Amino acid sequence: MTNRIAVVGREALLMVGAMAGGLCVLAAHLLKLFWRVLPVFLLLYGFVQFLARNPAIRDWLFLHFGQGGTAAILIGGTLLCLRRLMK
């Protein structure tokens, strides 16, 4: 009986170790992906902030992209949201 309990306990510990190891590998891959994507997100955020805070560029974008279309709606909506958030 004691031997069976030891075997079950050993299998449970093995499964917990395998799950923990799998989670560590997944976390390492996600961290590597985040490390590669983070500079792109920071550059994009800085560029959008520059566009939203510069009145001349913001007005030009609203003037030229205010005609319609998917890209115009996305750019105009983003700038409008940022403009409202900064008030």
PDB file of N, CA and C in Angstrom:
ATOM      1  N   MET A   1       0.826  -1.198   0.000  1.00  0.00           N
ATOM      2  CA  MET A   1       0.000   0.000   0.000  1.00  0.00           C
ATOM      3  C   MET A   1       0.867   1.257   0.000  1.00  0.00           C
ATOM      4  N   THR A   2       1.907   1.267   0.812  1.00  0.00           N
ATOM      5  CA  THR A   2       2.777   2.436   0.888  1.00  0.00           C
ATOM      6  C   THR A   2       3.493   2.657  -0.443  1.00  0.00           C
ATOM      7  N   ASN A   3       3.830   1.549  -1.110  1.00  0.00           N
ATOM      8  CA  ASN A   3       4.505   1.660  -2.396  1.00  0.00           C
ATOM      9  C   ASN A   3       3.589   2.312  -3.436  1.00  0.00           C
ATOM     10  N   ARG A   4       2.296   1.960  -3.415  1.00  0.00           N
ATOM     11  CA  ARG A   4       1.346   2.564  -4.356  1.00  0.00           C
ATOM     12  C   ARG A   4       1.202   4.057  -4.112  1.00  0.00           C
ATOM     13  N   ILE A   5       1.158   4.450  -2.850  1.00  0.00           N
ATOM     14  CA  ILE A   5       1.040   5.872  -2.509  1.00  0.00           C
ATOM     15  C   ILE A   5       2.281   6.623  -2.993  1.00  0.00           C
ATOM     16  N   ALA A   6       3.447   6.010  -2.827  1.00  0.00           N
ATOM     17  CA  ALA A   6       4.685   6.649  -3.277  1.00  0.00           C
ATOM     18  C   ALA A   6       4.694   6.813  -4.792  1.00  0.00           C
ATOM     19  N   VAL A   7       4.187   5.800  -5.502  1.00  0.00           N
ATOM     20  CA  VAL A   7       4.152   5.877  -6.968  1.00  0.00           C
ATOM     21  C   VAL A   7       3.202   6.974  -7.414  1.00  0.00           C
ATOM     22  N   VAL A   8       2.020   7.045  -6.786  1.00  0.00           N
ATOM     23  CA  VAL A   8       1.043   8.079  -7.147  1.00  0.00           C
ATOM     24  C   VAL A   8       1.607   9.462  -6.825  1.00  0.00           C
ATOM     25  N   GLY A   9       2.252   9.593  -5.673  1.00  0.00           N
ATOM     26  CA  GLY A   9       2.856  10.873  -5.307  1.00  0.00           C
ATOM     27  C   GLY A   9       3.958  11.278  -6.271  1.00  0.00           C
ATOM     28  N   ARG A  10       4.767  10.283  -6.680  1.00  0.00           N
ATOM     29  CA  ARG A  10       5.840  10.558  -7.631  1.00  0.00           C
ATOM     30  C   ARG A  10       5.273  11.002  -8.976  1.00  0.00           C
ATOM     31  N   GLU A  11       4.198  10.340  -9.436  1.00  0.00           N
ATOM     32  CA  GLU A  11       3.567  10.734 -10.701  1.00  0.00           C
ATOM     33  C   GLU A  11       2.975  12.136 -10.606  1.00  0.00           C
ATOM     34  N   ALA A  12       2.375  12.442  -9.465  1.00  0.00           N
ATOM     35  CA  ALA A  12       1.800  13.780  -9.287  1.00  0.00           C
ATOM     36  C   ALA A  12       2.894  14.842  -9.302  1.00  0.00           C
ATOM     37  N   LEU A  13       3.996  14.565  -8.611  1.00  0.00           N
ATOM     38  CA  LEU A  13       5.110  15.520  -8.626  1.00  0.00           C
ATOM     39  C   LEU A  13       5.694  15.675 -10.029  1.00  0.00           C
ATOM     40  N   LEU A  14       5.766  14.573 -10.772  1.00  0.00           N
ATOM     41  CA  LEU A  14       6.268  14.635 -12.140  1.00  0.00           C
ATOM     42  C   LEU A  14       5.358  15.499 -13.012  1.00  0.00           C
ATOM     43  N   MET A  15       4.050  15.337 -12.859  1.00  0.00           N
ATOM     44  CA  MET A  15       3.103  16.138 -13.648  1.00  0.00           C
ATOM     45  C   MET A  15       3.180  17.613 -13.271  1.00  0.00           C
ATOM     46  N   VAL A  16       3.282  17.898 -11.978  1.00  0.00           N
ATOM     47  CA  VAL A  16       3.406  19.293 -11.541  1.00  0.00           C
ATOM     48  C   VAL A  16       4.698  19.896 -12.090  1.00  0.00           C
ATOM     49  N   GLY A  17       5.781  19.129 -12.055  1.00  0.00           N
ATOM     50  CA  GLY A  17       7.046  19.613 -12.607  1.00  0.00           C
ATOM     51  C   GLY A  17       6.965  19.850 -14.107  1.00  0.00           C
ATOM     52  N   ALA A  18       6.296  18.940 -14.817  1.00  0.00           N
ATOM     53  CA  ALA A  18       6.152  19.113 -16.266  1.00  0.00           C
ATOM     54  C   ALA A  18       5.324  20.358 -16.577  1.00  0.00           C
ATOM     55  N   MET A  19       4.245  20.566 -15.822  1.00  0.00           N
ATOM     56  CA  MET A  19       3.413  21.758 -16.055  1.00  0.00           C
ATOM     57  C   MET A  19       4.175  23.036 -15.729  1.00  0.00           C
ATOM     58  N   ALA A  20       4.914  23.013 -14.629  1.00  0.00           N
ATOM     59  CA  ALA A  20       5.691  24.201 -14.259  1.00  0.00           C
ATOM     60  C   ALA A  20       6.774  24.475 -15.300  1.00  0.00           C
ATOM     61  N   GLY A  21       7.423  23.425 -15.780  1.00  0.00           N
ATOM     62  CA  GLY A  21       8.439  23.598 -16.820  1.00  0.00           C
ATOM     63  C   GLY A  21       7.837  24.137 -18.109  1.00  0.00           C
ATOM     64  N   GLY A  22       6.668  23.615 -18.469  1.00  0.00           N
ATOM     65  CA  GLY A  22       5.986  24.124 -19.663  1.00  0.00           C
ATOM     66  C   GLY A  22       5.615  25.584 -19.526  1.00  0.00           C
ATOM     67  N   LEU A  23       5.148  25.969 -18.349  1.00  0.00           N
ATOM     68  CA  LEU A  23       4.810  27.377 -18.121  1.00  0.00           C
ATOM     69  C   LEU A  23       6.046  28.267 -18.174  1.00  0.00           C
ATOM     70  N   CYS A  24       7.159  27.767 -17.655  1.00  0.00           N
ATOM     71  CA  CYS A  24       8.403  28.556 -17.708  1.00  0.00           C
ATOM     72  C   CYS A  24       8.870  28.743 -19.149  1.00  0.00           C
ATOM     73  N   VAL A  25       8.772  27.697 -19.957  1.00  0.00           N
ATOM     74  CA  VAL A  25       9.161  27.804 -21.368  1.00  0.00           C
ATOM     75  C   VAL A  25       8.243  28.782 -22.089  1.00  0.00           C
ATOM     76  N   LEU A  26       6.938  28.693 -21.836  1.00  0.00           N
ATOM     77  CA  LEU A  26       5.984  29.616 -22.455  1.00  0.00           C
ATOM     78  C   LEU A  26       6.266  31.054 -22.035  1.00  0.00           C
ATOM     79  N   ALA A  27       6.545  31.259 -20.754  1.00  0.00           N
ATOM     80  CA  ALA A  27       6.853  32.607 -20.269  1.00  0.00           C
ATOM     81  C   ALA A  27       8.130  33.141 -20.917  1.00  0.00           C
ATOM     82  N   ALA A  28       9.119  32.280 -21.104  1.00  0.00           N
ATOM     83  CA  ALA A  28      10.365  32.720 -21.743  1.00  0.00           C
ATOM     84  C   ALA A  28      10.120  33.127 -23.191  1.00  0.00           C
ATOM     85  N   HIS A  29       9.306  32.355 -23.908  1.00  0.00           N
ATOM     86  CA  HIS A  29       8.995  32.706 -25.297  1.00  0.00           C
ATOM     87  C   HIS A  29       8.199  34.005 -25.370  1.00  0.00           C
ATOM     88  N   LEU A  30       7.249  34.184 -24.471  1.00  0.00           N
ATOM     89  CA  LEU A  30       6.470  35.425 -24.461  1.00  0.00           C
ATOM     90  C   LEU A  30       7.345  36.625 -24.123  1.00  0.00           C
ATOM     91  N   LEU A  31       8.282  36.435 -23.199  1.00  0.00           N
ATOM     92  CA  LEU A  31       9.194  37.523 -22.844  1.00  0.00           C
ATOM     93  C   LEU A  31      10.087  37.895 -24.027  1.00  0.00           C
ATOM     94  N   LYS A  32      10.549  36.881 -24.760  1.00  0.00           N
ATOM     95  CA  LYS A  32      11.376  37.142 -25.939  1.00  0.00           C
ATOM     96  C   LYS A  32      10.571  37.888 -27.003  1.00  0.00           C
ATOM     97  N   LEU A  33       9.318  37.488 -27.212  1.00  0.00           N
ATOM     98  CA  LEU A  33       8.455  38.172 -28.173  1.00  0.00           C
ATOM     99  C   LEU A  33       8.180  39.604 -27.730  1.00  0.00           C
ATOM    100  N   PHE A  34       7.888  39.785 -26.446  1.00  0.00           N
ATOM    101  CA  PHE A  34       7.630  41.123 -25.909  1.00  0.00           C
ATOM    102  C   PHE A  34       8.859  42.010 -26.068  1.00  0.00           C
ATOM    103  N   TRP A  35      10.046  41.445 -25.867  1.00  0.00           N
ATOM    104  CA  TRP A  35      11.289  42.209 -25.979  1.00  0.00           C
ATOM    105  C   TRP A  35      11.507  42.686 -27.413  1.00  0.00           C
ATOM    106  N   ARG A  36      11.051  41.895 -28.398  1.00  0.00           N
ATOM    107  CA  ARG A  36      11.200  42.298 -29.797  1.00  0.00           C
ATOM    108  C   ARG A  36      10.125  43.291 -30.220  1.00  0.00           C
ATOM    109  N   VAL A  37       8.933  43.187 -29.660  1.00  0.00           N
ATOM    110  CA  VAL A  37       7.805  44.015 -30.096  1.00  0.00           C
ATOM    111  C   VAL A  37       7.766  45.347 -29.352  1.00  0.00           C
ATOM    112  N   LEU A  38       8.303  45.391 -28.140  1.00  0.00           N
ATOM    113  CA  LEU A  38       8.223  46.596 -27.311  1.00  0.00           C
ATOM    114  C   LEU A  38       8.802  47.841 -27.988  1.00  0.00           C
ATOM    115  N   PRO A  39       9.977  47.798 -28.614  1.00  0.00           N
ATOM    116  CA  PRO A  39      10.475  49.024 -29.263  1.00  0.00           C
ATOM    117  C   PRO A  39       9.558  49.536 -30.368  1.00  0.00           C
ATOM    118  N   VAL A  40       8.934  48.623 -31.101  1.00  0.00           N
ATOM    119  CA  VAL A  40       8.010  49.039 -32.162  1.00  0.00           C
ATOM    120  C   VAL A  40       6.808  49.751 -31.554  1.00  0.00           C
ATOM    121  N   PHE A  41       6.258  49.193 -30.478  1.00  0.00           N
ATOM    122  CA  PHE A  41       5.115  49.833 -29.820  1.00  0.00           C
ATOM    123  C   PHE A  41       5.492  51.198 -29.255  1.00  0.00           C
ATOM    124  N   LEU A  42       6.682  51.301 -28.682  1.00  0.00           N
ATOM    125  CA  LEU A  42       7.113  52.588 -28.130  1.00  0.00           C
ATOM    126  C   LEU A  42       7.305  53.633 -29.224  1.00  0.00           C
ATOM    127  N   LEU A  43       7.885  53.230 -30.353  1.00  0.00           N
ATOM    128  CA  LEU A  43       8.041  54.164 -31.471  1.00  0.00           C
ATOM    129  C   LEU A  43       6.688  54.597 -32.018  1.00  0.00           C
ATOM    130  N   LEU A  44       5.772  53.646 -32.162  1.00  0.00           N
ATOM    131  CA  LEU A  44       4.437  53.977 -32.660  1.00  0.00           C
ATOM    132  C   LEU A  44       3.711  54.896 -31.695  1.00  0.00           C
ATOM    133  N   TYR A  45       3.823  54.627 -30.401  1.00  0.00           N
ATOM    134  CA  TYR A  45       3.182  55.478 -29.398  1.00  0.00           C
ATOM    135  C   TYR A  45       3.764  56.894 -29.433  1.00  0.00           C
ATOM    136  N   GLY A  46       5.085  56.995 -29.527  1.00  0.00           N
ATOM    137  CA  GLY A  46       5.716  58.311 -29.601  1.00  0.00           C
ATOM    138  C   GLY A  46       5.317  59.069 -30.845  1.00  0.00           C
ATOM    139  N   PHE A  47       5.219  58.368 -31.974  1.00  0.00           N
ATOM    140  CA  PHE A  47       4.816  59.016 -33.221  1.00  0.00           C
ATOM    141  C   PHE A  47       3.382  59.521 -33.143  1.00  0.00           C
ATOM    142  N   VAL A  48       2.485  58.708 -32.587  1.00  0.00           N
ATOM    143  CA  VAL A  48       1.082  59.131 -32.453  1.00  0.00           C
ATOM    144  C   VAL A  48       0.970  60.294 -31.479  1.00  0.00           C
ATOM    145  N   GLN A  49       1.742  60.268 -30.406  1.00  0.00           N
ATOM    146  CA  GLN A  49       1.717  61.388 -29.464  1.00  0.00           C
ATOM    147  C   GLN A  49       2.227  62.666 -30.120  1.00  0.00           C
ATOM    148  N   PHE A  50       3.265  62.537 -30.948  1.00  0.00           N
ATOM    149  CA  PHE A  50       3.786  63.702 -31.667  1.00  0.00           C
ATOM    150  C   PHE A  50       2.725  64.271 -32.605  1.00  0.00           C
ATOM    151  N   LEU A  51       2.026  63.386 -33.322  1.00  0.00           N
ATOM    152  CA  LEU A  51       0.984  63.853 -34.239  1.00  0.00           C
ATOM    153  C   LEU A  51      -0.167  64.504 -33.486  1.00  0.00           C
ATOM    154  N   ALA A  52      -0.532  63.934 -32.351  1.00  0.00           N
ATOM    155  CA  ALA A  52      -1.688  64.451 -31.621  1.00  0.00           C
ATOM    156  C   ALA A  52      -1.367  65.756 -30.901  1.00  0.00           C
ATOM    157  N   ARG A  53      -0.120  65.961 -30.523  1.00  0.00           N
ATOM    158  CA  ARG A  53       0.231  67.162 -29.750  1.00  0.00           C
ATOM    159  C   ARG A  53       0.657  68.340 -30.622  1.00  0.00           C
ATOM    160  N   ASN A  54       0.948  68.082 -31.887  1.00  0.00           N
ATOM    161  CA  ASN A  54       1.362  69.157 -32.781  1.00  0.00           C
ATOM    162  C   ASN A  54       0.122  69.699 -33.502  1.00  0.00           C
ATOM    163  N   PRO A  55      -0.316  70.924 -33.195  1.00  0.00           N
ATOM    164  CA  PRO A  55      -1.579  71.420 -33.760  1.00  0.00           C
ATOM    165  C   PRO A  55      -1.569  71.539 -35.284  1.00  0.00           C
ATOM    166  N   ALA A  56      -0.438  71.941 -35.866  1.00  0.00           N
ATOM    167  CA  ALA A  56      -0.395  72.106 -37.321  1.00  0.00           C
ATOM    168  C   ALA A  56      -0.545  70.758 -38.029  1.00  0.00           C
ATOM    169  N   ILE A  57       0.182  69.761 -37.557  1.00  0.00           N
ATOM    170  CA  ILE A  57       0.093  68.431 -38.172  1.00  0.00           C
ATOM    171  C   ILE A  57      -1.280  67.825 -37.921  1.00  0.00           C
ATOM    172  N   ARG A  58      -1.803  68.002 -36.707  1.00  0.00           N
ATOM    173  CA  ARG A  58      -3.117  67.453 -36.383  1.00  0.00           C
ATOM    174  C   ARG A  58      -4.195  68.055 -37.275  1.00  0.00           C
ATOM    175  N   ASP A  59      -4.154  69.375 -37.477  1.00  0.00           N
ATOM    176  CA  ASP A  59      -5.148  70.019 -38.335  1.00  0.00           C
ATOM    177  C   ASP A  59      -4.995  69.574 -39.786  1.00  0.00           C
ATOM    178  N   TRP A  60      -3.750  69.411 -40.238  1.00  0.00           N
ATOM    179  CA  TRP A  60      -3.527  68.951 -41.607  1.00  0.00           C
ATOM    180  C   TRP A  60      -4.087  67.544 -41.801  1.00  0.00           C
ATOM    181  N   LEU A  61      -3.864  66.665 -40.800  1.00  0.00           N
ATOM    182  CA  LEU A  61      -4.384  65.303 -40.899  1.00  0.00           C
ATOM    183  C   LEU A  61      -5.907  65.296 -40.904  1.00  0.00           C
ATOM    184  N   PHE A  62      -6.519  66.125 -40.050  1.00  0.00           N
ATOM    185  CA  PHE A  62      -7.976  66.197 -40.043  1.00  0.00           C
ATOM    186  C   PHE A  62      -8.494  66.740 -41.370  1.00  0.00           C
ATOM    187  N   LEU A  63      -7.781  67.696 -41.953  1.00  0.00           N
ATOM    188  CA  LEU A  63      -8.204  68.284 -43.221  1.00  0.00           C
ATOM    189  C   LEU A  63      -8.120  67.269 -44.356  1.00  0.00           C
ATOM    190  N   HIS A  64      -7.004  66.520 -44.430  1.00  0.00           N
ATOM    191  CA  HIS A  64      -6.790  65.629 -45.563  1.00  0.00           C
ATOM    192  C   HIS A  64      -7.409  64.252 -45.379  1.00  0.00           C
ATOM    193  N   PHE A  65      -7.524  63.796 -44.143  1.00  0.00           N
ATOM    194  CA  PHE A  65      -8.103  62.471 -43.927  1.00  0.00           C
ATOM    195  C   PHE A  65      -9.551  62.547 -43.478  1.00  0.00           C
ATOM    196  N   GLY A  66     -10.139  63.712 -43.528  1.00  0.00           N
ATOM    197  CA  GLY A  66     -11.531  63.854 -43.117  1.00  0.00           C
ATOM    198  C   GLY A  66     -12.516  63.550 -44.224  1.00  0.00           C
ATOM    199  N   GLN A  67     -12.049  63.019 -45.364  1.00  0.00           N
ATOM    200  CA  GLN A  67     -12.904  62.785 -46.523  1.00  0.00           C
ATOM    201  C   GLN A  67     -13.681  61.477 -46.416  1.00  0.00           C
ATOM    202  N   GLY A  68     -13.197  60.522 -45.667  1.00  0.00           N
ATOM    203  CA  GLY A  68     -13.851  59.216 -45.563  1.00  0.00           C
ATOM    204  C   GLY A  68     -12.855  58.113 -45.862  1.00  0.00           C
ATOM    205  N   GLY A  69     -13.303  56.890 -45.832  1.00  0.00           N
ATOM    206  CA  GLY A  69     -12.433  55.741 -46.082  1.00  0.00           C
ATOM    207  C   GLY A  69     -11.986  55.107 -44.778  1.00  0.00           C
ATOM    208  N   THR A  70     -11.563  53.862 -44.867  1.00  0.00           N
ATOM    209  CA  THR A  70     -11.210  53.105 -43.664  1.00  0.00           C
ATOM    210  C   THR A  70      -9.993  53.696 -42.961  1.00  0.00           C
ATOM    211  N   ALA A  71      -8.933  53.982 -43.714  1.00  0.00           N
ATOM    212  CA  ALA A  71      -7.730  54.545 -43.096  1.00  0.00           C
ATOM    213  C   ALA A  71      -8.023  55.904 -42.491  1.00  0.00           C
ATOM    214  N   ALA A  72      -8.838  56.690 -43.193  1.00  0.00           N
ATOM    215  CA  ALA A  72      -9.179  58.013 -42.678  1.00  0.00           C
ATOM    216  C   ALA A  72      -9.976  57.903 -41.385  1.00  0.00           C
ATOM    217  N   ILE A  73     -10.895  56.961 -41.333  1.00  0.00           N
ATOM    218  CA  ILE A  73     -11.702  56.781 -40.122  1.00  0.00           C
ATOM    219  C   ILE A  73     -10.814  56.344 -38.961  1.00  0.00           C
ATOM    220  N   LEU A  74      -9.884  55.414 -39.229  1.00  0.00           N
ATOM    221  CA  LEU A  74      -8.998  54.944 -38.160  1.00  0.00           C
ATOM    222  C   LEU A  74      -8.085  56.056 -37.661  1.00  0.00           C
ATOM    223  N   ILE A  75      -7.456  56.782 -38.589  1.00  0.00           N
ATOM    224  CA  ILE A  75      -6.543  57.855 -38.183  1.00  0.00           C
ATOM    225  C   ILE A  75      -7.313  58.979 -37.513  1.00  0.00           C
ATOM    226  N   GLY A  76      -8.426  59.378 -38.123  1.00  0.00           N
ATOM    227  CA  GLY A  76      -9.230  60.455 -37.541  1.00  0.00           C
ATOM    228  C   GLY A  76      -9.789  60.086 -36.181  1.00  0.00           C
ATOM    229  N   GLY A  77     -10.260  58.848 -36.037  1.00  0.00           N
ATOM    230  CA  GLY A  77     -10.790  58.406 -34.747  1.00  0.00           C
ATOM    231  C   GLY A  77      -9.724  58.364 -33.673  1.00  0.00           C
ATOM    232  N   THR A  78      -8.536  57.891 -34.036  1.00  0.00           N
ATOM    233  CA  THR A  78      -7.430  57.863 -33.073  1.00  0.00           C
ATOM    234  C   THR A  78      -7.056  59.264 -32.628  1.00  0.00           C
ATOM    235  N   LEU A  79      -6.934  60.175 -33.595  1.00  0.00           N
ATOM    236  CA  LEU A  79      -6.571  61.548 -33.245  1.00  0.00           C
ATOM    237  C   LEU A  79      -7.665  62.225 -32.433  1.00  0.00           C
ATOM    238  N   LEU A  80      -8.918  61.963 -32.784  1.00  0.00           N
ATOM    239  CA  LEU A  80     -10.022  62.560 -32.035  1.00  0.00           C
ATOM    240  C   LEU A  80     -10.037  62.054 -30.594  1.00  0.00           C
ATOM    241  N   CYS A  81      -9.819  60.751 -30.403  1.00  0.00           N
ATOM    242  CA  CYS A  81      -9.777  60.195 -29.041  1.00  0.00           C
ATOM    243  C   CYS A  81      -8.624  60.795 -28.248  1.00  0.00           C
ATOM    244  N   LEU A  82      -7.454  60.898 -28.872  1.00  0.00           N
ATOM    245  CA  LEU A  82      -6.311  61.472 -28.168  1.00  0.00           C
ATOM    246  C   LEU A  82      -6.547  62.938 -27.846  1.00  0.00           C
ATOM    247  N   ARG A  83      -7.202  63.637 -28.759  1.00  0.00           N
ATOM    248  CA  ARG A  83      -7.486  65.052 -28.516  1.00  0.00           C
ATOM    249  C   ARG A  83      -8.430  65.221 -27.325  1.00  0.00           C
ATOM    250  N   ARG A  84      -9.429  64.336 -27.255  1.00  0.00           N
ATOM    251  CA  ARG A  84     -10.373  64.411 -26.131  1.00  0.00           C
ATOM    252  C   ARG A  84      -9.714  64.006 -24.821  1.00  0.00           C
ATOM    253  N   LEU A  85      -8.804  63.041 -24.886  1.00  0.00           N
ATOM    254  CA  LEU A  85      -8.126  62.604 -23.663  1.00  0.00           C
ATOM    255  C   LEU A  85      -7.198  63.678 -23.115  1.00  0.00           C
ATOM    256  N   MET A  86      -6.638  64.511 -23.990  1.00  0.00           N
ATOM    257  CA  MET A  86      -5.681  65.518 -23.539  1.00  0.00           C
ATOM    258  C   MET A  86      -6.354  66.771 -23.001  1.00  0.00           C
ATOM    259  N   LYS A  87      -7.657  66.905 -23.182  1.00  0.00           N
ATOM    260  CA  LYS A  87      -8.342  68.108 -22.684  1.00  0.00           C
ATOM    261  C   LYS A  87      -8.507  68.055 -21.186  1.00  0.00           C
TER     262      LYS A  87
END
